[in-house]
């Protein structure tokens, strides 16, 4: 009878250890799932930033081309207005080019 109690106690202890291991494994898996979820959220956020950057870069490229066309038109004019328009256009182009370079450098 005394030996039977030891066997029952040993079986009980083994069952408790197995249950503790199962709980630990579940907690570990839950932790990994949280990490994966956080990484997926970070990836989605980065994809959004990349998409916005691509749109901005396309806009800047188009704006630079439009300003260059304006400069070509202004060169055909004469007088003070053409000169002022050219200066303003060149200044704006340089601002857009700097912004474009900043975007490229930050990516």
PDB file of N, CA and C in Angstrom:
ATOM      1  N   UNK A   1       0.807  -1.162   0.000  1.00  0.00           N
ATOM      2  CA  UNK A   1       0.000   0.000   0.000  1.00  0.00           C
ATOM      3  C   UNK A   1       0.874   1.259   0.000  1.00  0.00           C
ATOM      4  N   UNK A   2       1.954   1.225   0.791  1.00  0.00           N
ATOM      5  CA  UNK A   2       2.859   2.352   0.855  1.00  0.00           C
ATOM      6  C   UNK A   2       3.524   2.567  -0.500  1.00  0.00           C
ATOM      7  N   UNK A   3       3.848   1.471  -1.212  1.00  0.00           N
ATOM      8  CA  UNK A   3       4.457   1.552  -2.545  1.00  0.00           C
ATOM      9  C   UNK A   3       3.467   2.096  -3.565  1.00  0.00           C
ATOM     10  N   UNK A   4       2.220   1.760  -3.387  1.00  0.00           N
ATOM     11  CA  UNK A   4       1.167   2.254  -4.296  1.00  0.00           C
ATOM     12  C   UNK A   4       1.019   3.771  -4.174  1.00  0.00           C
ATOM     13  N   UNK A   5       1.128   4.309  -2.955  1.00  0.00           N
ATOM     14  CA  UNK A   5       1.026   5.755  -2.744  1.00  0.00           C
ATOM     15  C   UNK A   5       2.173   6.475  -3.460  1.00  0.00           C
ATOM     16  N   UNK A   6       3.368   5.884  -3.382  1.00  0.00           N
ATOM     17  CA  UNK A   6       4.508   6.487  -4.079  1.00  0.00           C
ATOM     18  C   UNK A   6       4.280   6.530  -5.583  1.00  0.00           C
ATOM     19  N   UNK A   7       3.750   5.462  -6.111  1.00  0.00           N
ATOM     20  CA  UNK A   7       3.470   5.400  -7.549  1.00  0.00           C
ATOM     21  C   UNK A   7       2.434   6.458  -7.923  1.00  0.00           C
ATOM     22  N   UNK A   8       1.370   6.553  -7.128  1.00  0.00           N
ATOM     23  CA  UNK A   8       0.322   7.549  -7.384  1.00  0.00           C
ATOM     24  C   UNK A   8       0.896   8.960  -7.274  1.00  0.00           C
ATOM     25  N   UNK A   9       1.713   9.199  -6.249  1.00  0.00           N
ATOM     26  CA  UNK A   9       2.336  10.511  -6.058  1.00  0.00           C
ATOM     27  C   UNK A   9       3.276  10.839  -7.225  1.00  0.00           C
ATOM     28  N   UNK A  10       4.037   9.837  -7.662  1.00  0.00           N
ATOM     29  CA  UNK A  10       4.959  10.034  -8.782  1.00  0.00           C
ATOM     30  C   UNK A  10       4.175  10.333 -10.061  1.00  0.00           C
ATOM     31  N   UNK A  11       3.083   9.617 -10.272  1.00  0.00           N
ATOM     32  CA  UNK A  11       2.246   9.869 -11.451  1.00  0.00           C
ATOM     33  C   UNK A  11       1.623  11.264 -11.399  1.00  0.00           C
ATOM     34  N   UNK A  12       1.192  11.651 -10.193  1.00  0.00           N
ATOM     35  CA  UNK A  12       0.616  12.986 -10.008  1.00  0.00           C
ATOM     36  C   UNK A  12       1.664  14.056 -10.310  1.00  0.00           C
ATOM     37  N   UNK A  13       2.880  13.885  -9.781  1.00  0.00           N
ATOM     38  CA  UNK A  13       3.957  14.840 -10.018  1.00  0.00           C
ATOM     39  C   UNK A  13       4.301  14.926 -11.510  1.00  0.00           C
ATOM     40  N   UNK A  14       4.331  13.781 -12.169  1.00  0.00           N
ATOM     41  CA  UNK A  14       4.622  13.753 -13.604  1.00  0.00           C
ATOM     42  C   UNK A  14       3.537  14.493 -14.382  1.00  0.00           C
ATOM     43  N   UNK A  15       2.280  14.257 -14.010  1.00  0.00           N
ATOM     44  CA  UNK A  15       1.168  14.941 -14.685  1.00  0.00           C
ATOM     45  C   UNK A  15       1.253  16.454 -14.470  1.00  0.00           C
ATOM     46  N   UNK A  16       1.619  16.875 -13.267  1.00  0.00           N
ATOM     47  CA  UNK A  16       1.753  18.313 -12.986  1.00  0.00           C
ATOM     48  C   UNK A  16       2.899  18.896 -13.806  1.00  0.00           C
ATOM     49  N   UNK A  17       4.029  18.185 -13.879  1.00  0.00           N
ATOM     50  CA  UNK A  17       5.171  18.670 -14.665  1.00  0.00           C
ATOM     51  C   UNK A  17       4.802  18.777 -16.136  1.00  0.00           C
ATOM     52  N   UNK A  18       4.096  17.770 -16.658  1.00  0.00           N
ATOM     53  CA  UNK A  18       3.688  17.799 -18.062  1.00  0.00           C
ATOM     54  C   UNK A  18       2.724  18.959 -18.329  1.00  0.00           C
ATOM     55  N   UNK A  19       1.821  19.199 -17.379  1.00  0.00           N
ATOM     56  CA  UNK A  19       0.891  20.316 -17.523  1.00  0.00           C
ATOM     57  C   UNK A  19       1.654  21.640 -17.501  1.00  0.00           C
ATOM     58  N   UNK A  20       2.634  21.755 -16.612  1.00  0.00           N
ATOM     59  CA  UNK A  20       3.444  22.983 -16.547  1.00  0.00           C
ATOM     60  C   UNK A  20       4.224  23.196 -17.840  1.00  0.00           C
ATOM     61  N   UNK A  21       4.764  22.124 -18.404  1.00  0.00           N
ATOM     62  CA  UNK A  21       5.491  22.218 -19.667  1.00  0.00           C
ATOM     63  C   UNK A  21       4.537  22.651 -20.783  1.00  0.00           C
ATOM     64  N   UNK A  22       3.334  22.076 -20.788  1.00  0.00           N
ATOM     65  CA  UNK A  22       2.351  22.438 -21.811  1.00  0.00           C
ATOM     66  C   UNK A  22       1.976  23.911 -21.704  1.00  0.00           C
ATOM     67  N   UNK A  23       1.780  24.395 -20.483  1.00  0.00           N
ATOM     68  CA  UNK A  23       1.447  25.807 -20.275  1.00  0.00           C
ATOM     69  C   UNK A  23       2.614  26.694 -20.713  1.00  0.00           C
ATOM     70  N   UNK A  24       3.821  26.300 -20.368  1.00  0.00           N
ATOM     71  CA  UNK A  24       5.003  27.073 -20.763  1.00  0.00           C
ATOM     72  C   UNK A  24       5.121  27.132 -22.283  1.00  0.00           C
ATOM     73  N   UNK A  25       4.861  25.998 -22.938  1.00  0.00           N
ATOM     74  CA  UNK A  25       4.913  25.958 -24.397  1.00  0.00           C
ATOM     75  C   UNK A  25       3.847  26.859 -25.014  1.00  0.00           C
ATOM     76  N   UNK A  26       2.654  26.832 -24.435  1.00  0.00           N
ATOM     77  CA  UNK A  26       1.581  27.699 -24.938  1.00  0.00           C
ATOM     78  C   UNK A  26       1.942  29.174 -24.757  1.00  0.00           C
ATOM     79  N   UNK A  27       2.519  29.498 -23.623  1.00  0.00           N
ATOM     80  CA  UNK A  27       2.939  30.878 -23.382  1.00  0.00           C
ATOM     81  C   UNK A  27       4.039  31.296 -24.355  1.00  0.00           C
ATOM     82  N   UNK A  28       4.959  30.387 -24.627  1.00  0.00           N
ATOM     83  CA  UNK A  28       6.041  30.654 -25.577  1.00  0.00           C
ATOM     84  C   UNK A  28       5.473  30.898 -26.974  1.00  0.00           C
ATOM     85  N   UNK A  29       4.546  30.045 -27.379  1.00  0.00           N
ATOM     86  CA  UNK A  29       3.915  30.188 -28.699  1.00  0.00           C
ATOM     87  C   UNK A  29       3.149  31.510 -28.768  1.00  0.00           C
ATOM     88  N   UNK A  30       2.421  31.846 -27.715  1.00  0.00           N
ATOM     89  CA  UNK A  30       1.685  33.113 -27.686  1.00  0.00           C
ATOM     90  C   UNK A  30       2.647  34.290 -27.800  1.00  0.00           C
ATOM     91  N   UNK A  31       3.783  34.205 -27.135  1.00  0.00           N
ATOM     92  CA  UNK A  31       4.791  35.259 -27.228  1.00  0.00           C
ATOM     93  C   UNK A  31       5.339  35.383 -28.633  1.00  0.00           C
ATOM     94  N   UNK A  32       5.613  34.238 -29.273  1.00  0.00           N
ATOM     95  CA  UNK A  32       6.106  34.268 -30.656  1.00  0.00           C
ATOM     96  C   UNK A  32       5.060  34.854 -31.598  1.00  0.00           C
ATOM     97  N   UNK A  33       3.791  34.517 -31.359  1.00  0.00           N
ATOM     98  CA  UNK A  33       2.719  35.062 -32.194  1.00  0.00           C
ATOM     99  C   UNK A  33       2.632  36.578 -32.045  1.00  0.00           C
ATOM    100  N   UNK A  34       2.847  37.084 -30.843  1.00  0.00           N
ATOM    101  CA  UNK A  34       2.837  38.538 -30.631  1.00  0.00           C
ATOM    102  C   UNK A  34       3.998  39.188 -31.370  1.00  0.00           C
ATOM    103  N   UNK A  35       5.159  38.542 -31.326  1.00  0.00           N
ATOM    104  CA  UNK A  35       6.332  39.076 -32.030  1.00  0.00           C
ATOM    105  C   UNK A  35       6.063  39.120 -33.528  1.00  0.00           C
ATOM    106  N   UNK A  36       5.519  38.031 -34.058  1.00  0.00           N
ATOM    107  CA  UNK A  36       5.214  37.965 -35.489  1.00  0.00           C
ATOM    108  C   UNK A  36       4.204  39.046 -35.864  1.00  0.00           C
ATOM    109  N   UNK A  37       3.186  39.205 -35.052  1.00  0.00           N
ATOM    110  CA  UNK A  37       2.166  40.218 -35.312  1.00  0.00           C
ATOM    111  C   UNK A  37       2.773  41.622 -35.314  1.00  0.00           C
ATOM    112  N   UNK A  38       3.640  41.891 -34.354  1.00  0.00           N
ATOM    113  CA  UNK A  38       4.292  43.199 -34.284  1.00  0.00           C
ATOM    114  C   UNK A  38       5.161  43.428 -35.518  1.00  0.00           C
ATOM    115  N   UNK A  39       5.876  42.384 -35.948  1.00  0.00           N
ATOM    116  CA  UNK A  39       6.726  42.519 -37.124  1.00  0.00           C
ATOM    117  C   UNK A  39       5.893  42.722 -38.383  1.00  0.00           C
ATOM    118  N   UNK A  40       4.763  42.035 -38.468  1.00  0.00           N
ATOM    119  CA  UNK A  40       3.875  42.234 -39.611  1.00  0.00           C
ATOM    120  C   UNK A  40       3.356  43.666 -39.645  1.00  0.00           C
ATOM    121  N   UNK A  41       3.027  44.208 -38.475  1.00  0.00           N
ATOM    122  CA  UNK A  41       2.567  45.600 -38.400  1.00  0.00           C
ATOM    123  C   UNK A  41       3.671  46.558 -38.826  1.00  0.00           C
ATOM    124  N   UNK A  42       4.908  46.269 -38.402  1.00  0.00           N
ATOM    125  CA  UNK A  42       6.034  47.122 -38.795  1.00  0.00           C
ATOM    126  C   UNK A  42       6.261  47.061 -40.301  1.00  0.00           C
ATOM    127  N   UNK A  43       6.146  45.880 -40.863  1.00  0.00           N
ATOM    128  CA  UNK A  43       6.321  45.721 -42.309  1.00  0.00           C
ATOM    129  C   UNK A  43       5.239  46.505 -43.047  1.00  0.00           C
ATOM    130  N   UNK A  44       3.997  46.393 -42.582  1.00  0.00           N
ATOM    131  CA  UNK A  44       2.905  47.130 -43.219  1.00  0.00           C
ATOM    132  C   UNK A  44       3.142  48.638 -43.134  1.00  0.00           C
ATOM    133  N   UNK A  45       3.626  49.087 -41.996  1.00  0.00           N
ATOM    134  CA  UNK A  45       3.909  50.525 -41.834  1.00  0.00           C
ATOM    135  C   UNK A  45       5.024  50.955 -42.783  1.00  0.00           C
ATOM    136  N   UNK A  46       6.059  50.140 -42.885  1.00  0.00           N
ATOM    137  CA  UNK A  46       7.164  50.466 -43.796  1.00  0.00           C
ATOM    138  C   UNK A  46       6.708  50.466 -45.249  1.00  0.00           C
ATOM    139  N   UNK A  47       5.835  49.523 -45.602  1.00  0.00           N
ATOM    140  CA  UNK A  47       5.314  49.496 -46.963  1.00  0.00           C
ATOM    141  C   UNK A  47       4.536  50.779 -47.259  1.00  0.00           C
ATOM    142  N   UNK A  48       3.792  51.266 -46.259  1.00  0.00           N
ATOM    143  CA  UNK A  48       3.063  52.516 -46.423  1.00  0.00           C
ATOM    144  C   UNK A  48       4.005  53.688 -46.627  1.00  0.00           C
ATOM    145  N   UNK A  49       5.095  53.707 -45.868  1.00  0.00           N
ATOM    146  CA  UNK A  49       6.080  54.783 -46.004  1.00  0.00           C
ATOM    147  C   UNK A  49       6.735  54.724 -47.381  1.00  0.00           C
ATOM    148  N   UNK A  50       7.073  53.531 -47.823  1.00  0.00           N
ATOM    149  CA  UNK A  50       7.700  53.374 -49.135  1.00  0.00           C
ATOM    150  C   UNK A  50       6.737  53.845 -50.230  1.00  0.00           C
ATOM    151  N   UNK A  51       5.483  53.454 -50.103  1.00  0.00           N
ATOM    152  CA  UNK A  51       4.490  53.855 -51.102  1.00  0.00           C
ATOM    153  C   UNK A  51       4.348  55.380 -51.148  1.00  0.00           C
ATOM    154  N   UNK A  52       4.278  56.007 -49.983  1.00  0.00           N
ATOM    155  CA  UNK A  52       4.184  57.469 -49.935  1.00  0.00           C
ATOM    156  C   UNK A  52       5.430  58.107 -50.526  1.00  0.00           C
ATOM    157  N   UNK A  53       6.586  57.541 -50.224  1.00  0.00           N
ATOM    158  CA  UNK A  53       7.835  58.063 -50.773  1.00  0.00           C
ATOM    159  C   UNK A  53       7.874  57.949 -52.288  1.00  0.00           C
ATOM    160  N   UNK A  54       7.389  56.826 -52.810  1.00  0.00           N
ATOM    161  CA  UNK A  54       7.367  56.643 -54.262  1.00  0.00           C
ATOM    162  C   UNK A  54       6.437  57.661 -54.916  1.00  0.00           C
ATOM    163  N   UNK A  55       5.288  57.890 -54.290  1.00  0.00           N
ATOM    164  CA  UNK A  55       4.347  58.881 -54.824  1.00  0.00           C
ATOM    165  C   UNK A  55       4.980  60.266 -54.794  1.00  0.00           C
ATOM    166  N   UNK A  56       5.618  60.608 -53.683  1.00  0.00           N
ATOM    167  CA  UNK A  56       6.262  61.917 -53.558  1.00  0.00           C
ATOM    168  C   UNK A  56       7.372  62.080 -54.587  1.00  0.00           C
ATOM    169  N   UNK A  57       8.176  61.043 -54.760  1.00  0.00           N
ATOM    170  CA  UNK A  57       9.268  61.126 -55.728  1.00  0.00           C
ATOM    171  C   UNK A  57       8.715  61.298 -57.143  1.00  0.00           C
ATOM    172  N   UNK A  58       7.648  60.590 -57.475  1.00  0.00           N
ATOM    173  CA  UNK A  58       7.039  60.729 -58.801  1.00  0.00           C
ATOM    174  C   UNK A  58       6.516  62.151 -58.985  1.00  0.00           C
ATOM    175  N   UNK A  59       5.880  62.674 -57.940  1.00  0.00           N
ATOM    176  CA  UNK A  59       5.364  64.044 -57.992  1.00  0.00           C
ATOM    177  C   UNK A  59       6.501  65.037 -58.192  1.00  0.00           C
ATOM    178  N   UNK A  60       7.574  64.852 -57.453  1.00  0.00           N
ATOM    179  CA  UNK A  60       8.714  65.760 -57.592  1.00  0.00           C
ATOM    180  C   UNK A  60       9.326  65.680 -58.995  1.00  0.00           C
ATOM    181  N   UNK A  61       9.464  64.460 -59.512  1.00  0.00           N
ATOM    182  CA  UNK A  61      10.019  64.321 -60.875  1.00  0.00           C
ATOM    183  C   UNK A  61       9.134  65.048 -61.887  1.00  0.00           C
ATOM    184  N   UNK A  62       7.813  64.877 -61.731  1.00  0.00           N
ATOM    185  CA  UNK A  62       6.884  65.545 -62.650  1.00  0.00           C
ATOM    186  C   UNK A  62       6.951  67.062 -62.495  1.00  0.00           C
ATOM    187  N   UNK A  63       7.071  67.520 -61.256  1.00  0.00           N
ATOM    188  CA  UNK A  63       7.132  68.969 -61.005  1.00  0.00           C
ATOM    189  C   UNK A  63       8.411  69.555 -61.585  1.00  0.00           C
ATOM    190  N   UNK A  64       9.510  68.864 -61.450  1.00  0.00           N
ATOM    191  CA  UNK A  64      10.771  69.336 -62.027  1.00  0.00           C
ATOM    192  C   UNK A  64      10.650  69.433 -63.542  1.00  0.00           C
ATOM    193  N   UNK A  65      10.056  68.412 -64.164  1.00  0.00           N
ATOM    194  CA  UNK A  65       9.886  68.450 -65.623  1.00  0.00           C
ATOM    195  C   UNK A  65       8.993  69.617 -66.037  1.00  0.00           C
ATOM    196  N   UNK A  66       7.923  69.873 -65.290  1.00  0.00           N
ATOM    197  CA  UNK A  66       7.032  70.996 -65.609  1.00  0.00           C
ATOM    198  C   UNK A  66       7.770  72.323 -65.488  1.00  0.00           C
ATOM    199  N   UNK A  67       8.582  72.457 -64.462  1.00  0.00           N
ATOM    200  CA  UNK A  67       9.345  73.697 -64.294  1.00  0.00           C
ATOM    201  C   UNK A  67      10.384  73.867 -65.390  1.00  0.00           C
ATOM    202  N   UNK A  68      10.996  72.785 -65.805  1.00  0.00           N
ATOM    203  CA  UNK A  68      11.965  72.876 -66.894  1.00  0.00           C
ATOM    204  C   UNK A  68      11.286  73.315 -68.184  1.00  0.00           C
ATOM    205  N   UNK A  69      10.058  72.824 -68.408  1.00  0.00           N
ATOM    206  CA  UNK A  69       9.289  73.274 -69.576  1.00  0.00           C
ATOM    207  C   UNK A  69       8.972  74.767 -69.467  1.00  0.00           C
ATOM    208  N   UNK A  70       8.629  75.212 -68.272  1.00  0.00           N
ATOM    209  CA  UNK A  70       8.362  76.633 -68.049  1.00  0.00           C
ATOM    210  C   UNK A  70       9.593  77.469 -68.362  1.00  0.00           C
ATOM    211  N   UNK A  71      10.738  77.000 -67.921  1.00  0.00           N
ATOM    212  CA  UNK A  71      11.979  77.722 -68.195  1.00  0.00           C
ATOM    213  C   UNK A  71      12.214  77.817 -69.700  1.00  0.00           C
ATOM    214  N   UNK A  72      11.977  76.722 -70.400  1.00  0.00           N
ATOM    215  CA  UNK A  72      12.165  76.744 -71.854  1.00  0.00           C
ATOM    216  C   UNK A  72      11.239  77.778 -72.490  1.00  0.00           C
ATOM    217  N   UNK A  73      10.024  77.864 -71.994  1.00  0.00           N
ATOM    218  CA  UNK A  73       9.070  78.852 -72.517  1.00  0.00           C
ATOM    219  C   UNK A  73       9.538  80.265 -72.188  1.00  0.00           C
ATOM    220  N   UNK A  74       9.977  80.470 -70.953  1.00  0.00           N
ATOM    221  CA  UNK A  74      10.410  81.801 -70.528  1.00  0.00           C
ATOM    222  C   UNK A  74      11.640  82.272 -71.289  1.00  0.00           C
ATOM    223  N   UNK A  75      12.490  81.345 -71.694  1.00  0.00           N
ATOM    224  CA  UNK A  75      13.689  81.731 -72.439  1.00  0.00           C
ATOM    225  C   UNK A  75      13.335  82.384 -73.770  1.00  0.00           C
ATOM    226  N   UNK A  76      12.187  82.018 -74.316  1.00  0.00           N
ATOM    227  CA  UNK A  76      11.758  82.590 -75.588  1.00  0.00           C
ATOM    228  C   UNK A  76      11.226  84.014 -75.425  1.00  0.00           C
ATOM    229  N   UNK A  77      10.886  84.395 -74.193  1.00  0.00           N
ATOM    230  CA  UNK A  77      10.377  85.747 -73.941  1.00  0.00           C
ATOM    231  C   UNK A  77      11.542  86.703 -73.753  1.00  0.00           C
ATOM    232  N   UNK A  78      11.221  87.974 -73.750  1.00  0.00           N
ATOM    233  CA  UNK A  78      12.262  88.964 -73.494  1.00  0.00           C
ATOM    234  C   UNK A  78      11.784  89.886 -72.388  1.00  0.00           C
ATOM    235  N   UNK A  79      12.715  90.570 -71.814  1.00  0.00           N
ATOM    236  CA  UNK A  79      12.344  91.556 -70.834  1.00  0.00           C
ATOM    237  C   UNK A  79      12.494  91.091 -69.404  1.00  0.00           C
ATOM    238  N   UNK A  80      12.126  91.995 -68.510  1.00  0.00           N
ATOM    239  CA  UNK A  80      12.291  91.784 -67.074  1.00  0.00           C
ATOM    240  C   UNK A  80      11.404  90.658 -66.558  1.00  0.00           C
ATOM    241  N   UNK A  81      10.195  90.502 -67.095  1.00  0.00           N
ATOM    242  CA  UNK A  81       9.289  89.436 -66.631  1.00  0.00           C
ATOM    243  C   UNK A  81       9.884  88.059 -66.886  1.00  0.00           C
ATOM    244  N   UNK A  82      10.455  87.889 -68.024  1.00  0.00           N
ATOM    245  CA  UNK A  82      11.071  86.603 -68.353  1.00  0.00           C
ATOM    246  C   UNK A  82      12.229  86.313 -67.405  1.00  0.00           C
ATOM    247  N   UNK A  83      13.007  87.340 -67.133  1.00  0.00           N
ATOM    248  CA  UNK A  83      14.141  87.165 -66.225  1.00  0.00           C
ATOM    249  C   UNK A  83      13.657  86.781 -64.828  1.00  0.00           C
ATOM    250  N   UNK A  84      12.646  87.469 -64.324  1.00  0.00           N
ATOM    251  CA  UNK A  84      12.104  87.158 -62.994  1.00  0.00           C
ATOM    252  C   UNK A  84      11.497  85.754 -62.962  1.00  0.00           C
ATOM    253  N   UNK A  85      10.776  85.421 -64.018  1.00  0.00           N
ATOM    254  CA  UNK A  85      10.178  84.086 -64.101  1.00  0.00           C
ATOM    255  C   UNK A  85      11.230  82.992 -64.115  1.00  0.00           C
ATOM    256  N   UNK A  86      12.299  83.241 -64.863  1.00  0.00           N
ATOM    257  CA  UNK A  86      13.404  82.271 -64.918  1.00  0.00           C
ATOM    258  C   UNK A  86      14.049  82.093 -63.557  1.00  0.00           C
ATOM    259  N   UNK A  87      14.315  83.186 -62.888  1.00  0.00           N
ATOM    260  CA  UNK A  87      14.952  83.107 -61.571  1.00  0.00           C
ATOM    261  C   UNK A  87      14.074  82.344 -60.584  1.00  0.00           C
ATOM    262  N   UNK A  88      12.785  82.631 -60.590  1.00  0.00           N
ATOM    263  CA  UNK A  88      11.864  81.940 -59.679  1.00  0.00           C
ATOM    264  C   UNK A  88      11.781  80.453 -60.019  1.00  0.00           C
ATOM    265  N   UNK A  89      11.735  80.151 -61.307  1.00  0.00           N
ATOM    266  CA  UNK A  89      11.645  78.749 -61.728  1.00  0.00           C
ATOM    267  C   UNK A  89      12.909  77.976 -61.350  1.00  0.00           C
ATOM    268  N   UNK A  90      14.071  78.587 -61.581  1.00  0.00           N
ATOM    269  CA  UNK A  90      15.324  77.923 -61.208  1.00  0.00           C
ATOM    270  C   UNK A  90      15.390  77.676 -59.699  1.00  0.00           C
ATOM    271  N   UNK A  91      14.965  78.667 -58.953  1.00  0.00           N
ATOM    272  CA  UNK A  91      14.964  78.517 -57.488  1.00  0.00           C
ATOM    273  C   UNK A  91      14.043  77.367 -57.070  1.00  0.00           C
ATOM    274  N   UNK A  92      12.859  77.304 -57.664  1.00  0.00           N
ATOM    275  CA  UNK A  92      11.911  76.246 -57.320  1.00  0.00           C
ATOM    276  C   UNK A  92      12.437  74.875 -57.733  1.00  0.00           C
ATOM    277  N   UNK A  93      13.041  74.809 -58.895  1.00  0.00           N
ATOM    278  CA  UNK A  93      13.620  73.535 -59.340  1.00  0.00           C
ATOM    279  C   UNK A  93      14.683  73.072 -58.356  1.00  0.00           C
ATOM    280  N   UNK A  94      15.529  73.972 -57.925  1.00  0.00           N
ATOM    281  CA  UNK A  94      16.588  73.588 -56.992  1.00  0.00           C
ATOM    282  C   UNK A  94      15.998  73.091 -55.676  1.00  0.00           C
ATOM    283  N   UNK A  95      14.928  73.724 -55.198  1.00  0.00           N
ATOM    284  CA  UNK A  95      14.268  73.261 -53.967  1.00  0.00           C
ATOM    285  C   UNK A  95      13.721  71.853 -54.133  1.00  0.00           C
ATOM    286  N   UNK A  96      13.079  71.601 -55.272  1.00  0.00           N
ATOM    287  CA  UNK A  96      12.544  70.264 -55.520  1.00  0.00           C
ATOM    288  C   UNK A  96      13.661  69.236 -55.677  1.00  0.00           C
ATOM    289  N   UNK A  97      14.733  69.615 -56.324  1.00  0.00           N
ATOM    290  CA  UNK A  97      15.857  68.681 -56.476  1.00  0.00           C
ATOM    291  C   UNK A  97      16.467  68.333 -55.118  1.00  0.00           C
ATOM    292  N   UNK A  98      16.595  69.328 -54.252  1.00  0.00           N
ATOM    293  CA  UNK A  98      17.123  69.058 -52.913  1.00  0.00           C
ATOM    294  C   UNK A  98      16.192  68.129 -52.142  1.00  0.00           C
ATOM    295  N   UNK A  99      14.896  68.356 -52.245  1.00  0.00           N
ATOM    296  CA  UNK A  99      13.923  67.487 -51.574  1.00  0.00           C
ATOM    297  C   UNK A  99      14.014  66.066 -52.130  1.00  0.00           C
ATOM    298  N   UNK A 100      14.138  65.957 -53.440  1.00  0.00           N
ATOM    299  CA  UNK A 100      14.247  64.657 -54.095  1.00  0.00           C
ATOM    300  C   UNK A 100      15.507  63.925 -53.618  1.00  0.00           C
ATOM    301  N   UNK A 101      16.625  64.641 -53.556  1.00  0.00           N
ATOM    302  CA  UNK A 101      17.880  64.032 -53.085  1.00  0.00           C
ATOM    303  C   UNK A 101      17.770  63.610 -51.632  1.00  0.00           C
ATOM    304  N   UNK A 102      17.083  64.437 -50.827  1.00  0.00           N
ATOM    305  CA  UNK A 102      16.890  64.102 -49.404  1.00  0.00           C
ATOM    306  C   UNK A 102      16.088  62.803 -49.272  1.00  0.00           C
ATOM    307  N   UNK A 103      15.062  62.665 -50.083  1.00  0.00           N
ATOM    308  CA  UNK A 103      14.249  61.442 -50.051  1.00  0.00           C
ATOM    309  C   UNK A 103      15.075  60.242 -50.451  1.00  0.00           C
ATOM    310  N   UNK A 104      15.851  60.389 -51.512  1.00  0.00           N
ATOM    311  CA  UNK A 104      16.703  59.279 -51.951  1.00  0.00           C
ATOM    312  C   UNK A 104      17.720  58.901 -50.894  1.00  0.00           C
ATOM    313  N   UNK A 105      18.297  59.890 -50.246  1.00  0.00           N
ATOM    314  CA  UNK A 105      19.324  59.631 -49.232  1.00  0.00           C
ATOM    315  C   UNK A 105      18.718  58.989 -47.991  1.00  0.00           C
ATOM    316  N   UNK A 106      17.481  59.334 -47.656  1.00  0.00           N
ATOM    317  CA  UNK A 106      16.880  58.787 -46.428  1.00  0.00           C
ATOM    318  C   UNK A 106      16.365  57.373 -46.640  1.00  0.00           C
ATOM    319  N   UNK A 107      16.179  56.955 -47.887  1.00  0.00           N
ATOM    320  CA  UNK A 107      15.619  55.622 -48.155  1.00  0.00           C
ATOM    321  C   UNK A 107      16.654  54.597 -48.073  1.00  0.00           C
TER     322      UNK A 107
END
